[in-house]
Protein backbone atom coordinates (compact mmCIF):
# COMPACT_ATOMS: atom_id res chain seq x y z
CA ALA A 1 0.07 -0.26 0.07
CA ILE A 2 2.80 2.06 1.11
CA ILE A 3 4.03 2.13 -2.44
CA GLU A 4 1.17 2.08 -4.36
CA LYS A 5 -0.31 5.54 -2.19
CA SER A 6 3.78 7.86 -2.60
CA VAL A 7 4.18 9.51 -5.63
CA GLN A 8 6.73 11.13 -3.50
CA LEU A 9 8.99 8.08 -2.85
CA THR A 10 11.90 8.11 -5.24
CA SER A 11 14.04 5.71 -3.09
CA LEU A 12 13.36 1.95 -1.88
CA THR A 13 15.32 -0.47 0.00
CA LEU A 14 13.73 -3.51 0.79
CA LEU A 15 15.33 -6.87 2.30
CA LEU A 16 12.80 -9.16 2.16
CA SER A 17 13.71 -12.54 4.15
CA PHE A 18 9.53 -13.96 4.69
CA VAL A 19 9.27 -16.93 1.67
CA ASN A 20 6.17 -15.74 -0.16
CA VAL A 21 6.32 -12.39 -1.63
CA PRO A 22 2.74 -11.80 -2.79
CA ARG A 23 2.34 -10.84 -6.13
CA ALA A 24 0.08 -7.75 -5.43
CA PHE A 25 3.08 -6.30 -3.80
CA LEU A 26 5.58 -7.03 -6.74
CA ASN A 27 2.80 -5.80 -9.42
CA SER A 28 2.70 -2.54 -7.01
CA LEU A 29 6.74 -2.29 -7.53
CA ALA A 30 6.09 -1.97 -11.02
CA ASN A 31 3.17 0.86 -11.38
CA SER A 32 6.30 2.60 -9.11
CA ILE A 33 7.15 5.38 -11.91
CA HIS A 34 8.92 7.70 -9.72
CA LEU A 35 11.28 5.61 -7.74
CA LYS A 36 14.95 6.64 -8.99
CA VAL A 37 16.63 4.46 -6.54
CA MET A 38 15.68 0.15 -6.18
CA ILE A 39 17.31 -2.00 -3.61
CA LEU A 40 16.02 -5.76 -3.21
CA TRP A 41 17.60 -8.32 -1.57
CA CYS A 42 15.66 -11.17 -1.04
CA ALA A 43 16.21 -14.44 0.55
CA GLN A 44 14.62 -16.63 -2.26
CA ASN A 45 14.43 -16.55 -5.62
CA LEU A 46 13.08 -14.11 -7.08
CA ALA A 47 14.29 -13.78 -10.85
CA GLY A 48 11.48 -15.37 -12.62
CA GLN A 49 8.65 -13.26 -10.86
CA LEU A 50 11.55 -10.03 -11.79
CA VAL A 51 12.31 -10.58 -15.36
CA GLY A 52 9.85 -13.03 -17.37
CA GLY A 53 11.77 -14.68 -20.04
CA ASN A 54 8.42 -13.93 -21.85
CA GLY A 55 8.51 -9.97 -21.64
CA ASN A 56 5.75 -10.26 -18.39
CA GLY A 57 8.43 -10.07 -15.41
CA ILE A 58 7.97 -6.93 -12.87
CA LEU A 59 10.96 -5.24 -14.21
CA ASP A 60 9.75 -6.21 -18.01
CA GLY A 61 7.10 -4.13 -17.25
CA MET A 62 8.58 -1.19 -15.67
CA LEU A 63 11.67 -0.43 -17.43
CA ARG A 64 9.45 -0.74 -21.00
CA ASN A 65 7.44 2.60 -19.46
CA PRO A 66 8.49 5.53 -20.68
CA GLN A 67 7.67 7.55 -17.97
CA ASN A 68 9.77 5.26 -15.25
CA GLN A 69 12.27 6.97 -13.72
CA LEU A 70 14.10 4.33 -12.30
CA GLU A 71 18.30 5.23 -12.49
CA SER A 72 19.62 2.84 -10.23
CA LEU A 73 19.12 -0.78 -9.98
CA ASN A 74 20.07 -3.37 -6.99
CA LEU A 75 19.04 -7.21 -7.56
CA GLU A 76 21.26 -8.75 -5.12
CA TYR A 77 20.56 -12.18 -3.54
CA THR A 78 17.30 -12.27 -6.04
CA GLY A 79 18.69 -16.12 -7.35
CA LEU A 80 19.27 -13.77 -10.83
CA GLU A 81 20.71 -16.69 -13.61
CA ASP A 82 22.37 -15.83 -17.16
CA HIS A 83 19.25 -15.75 -18.88
CA HIS A 84 17.59 -12.84 -16.57
CA LEU A 85 20.59 -11.07 -16.86
CA ILE A 86 20.53 -11.00 -20.87
CA ALA A 87 16.77 -9.93 -20.67
CA LEU A 88 17.02 -7.53 -18.26
CA ALA A 89 20.47 -6.40 -20.59
CA ASN A 90 17.74 -6.29 -23.78
CA LEU A 91 15.66 -3.63 -21.43
CA LEU A 92 18.48 -1.35 -20.05
CA PRO A 93 19.72 0.67 -23.27
CA THR A 94 15.66 2.28 -23.38
CA SER A 95 16.17 3.14 -19.93
CA LYS A 96 17.14 5.69 -17.47
CA VAL A 97 18.84 3.22 -15.97
CA LYS A 98 21.99 4.17 -15.00
CA SER A 99 23.64 1.87 -12.27
CA LEU A 100 22.81 -1.65 -12.13
CA HIS A 101 24.27 -4.11 -9.23
CA PHE A 102 23.55 -7.44 -9.44
CA LYS A 103 26.29 -9.40 -7.03
CA PHE A 104 25.76 -12.39 -5.25
CA ASN A 105 23.96 -14.25 -7.97
CA LYS A 106 23.79 -17.04 -10.12
CA ILE A 107 25.65 -15.34 -13.07
CA GLN A 108 28.18 -16.96 -14.92
CA SER A 109 30.46 -16.10 -17.79
CA HIS A 110 27.40 -16.70 -20.65
CA GLY A 111 25.15 -14.20 -18.95
CA LEU A 112 28.61 -11.59 -18.73
CA LEU A 113 29.33 -11.83 -22.56
């Protein structure tokens, strides 16, 4: 509710330790066009929900939205794998993201090349 209600919120840090992150909560992130900085760490593998292989992930919609203001994205401990990073990299040229952090994930050399 705080994310949906606050149009003033420009920076968000979430350290999620619970097992099931509600989809409604993740959807509210996708609609947060005023965020400039988002730091998301979680104790579970959220990569598939964040960056969908078929373009339906939370970040897919967020970064495709021309109104989105996100400039810094930190996705540590989210379970990102090579194919997630590749899909995310394809969205970056048309987004406003200038800084991406993704350490402590499952990225191999294939995802970096």
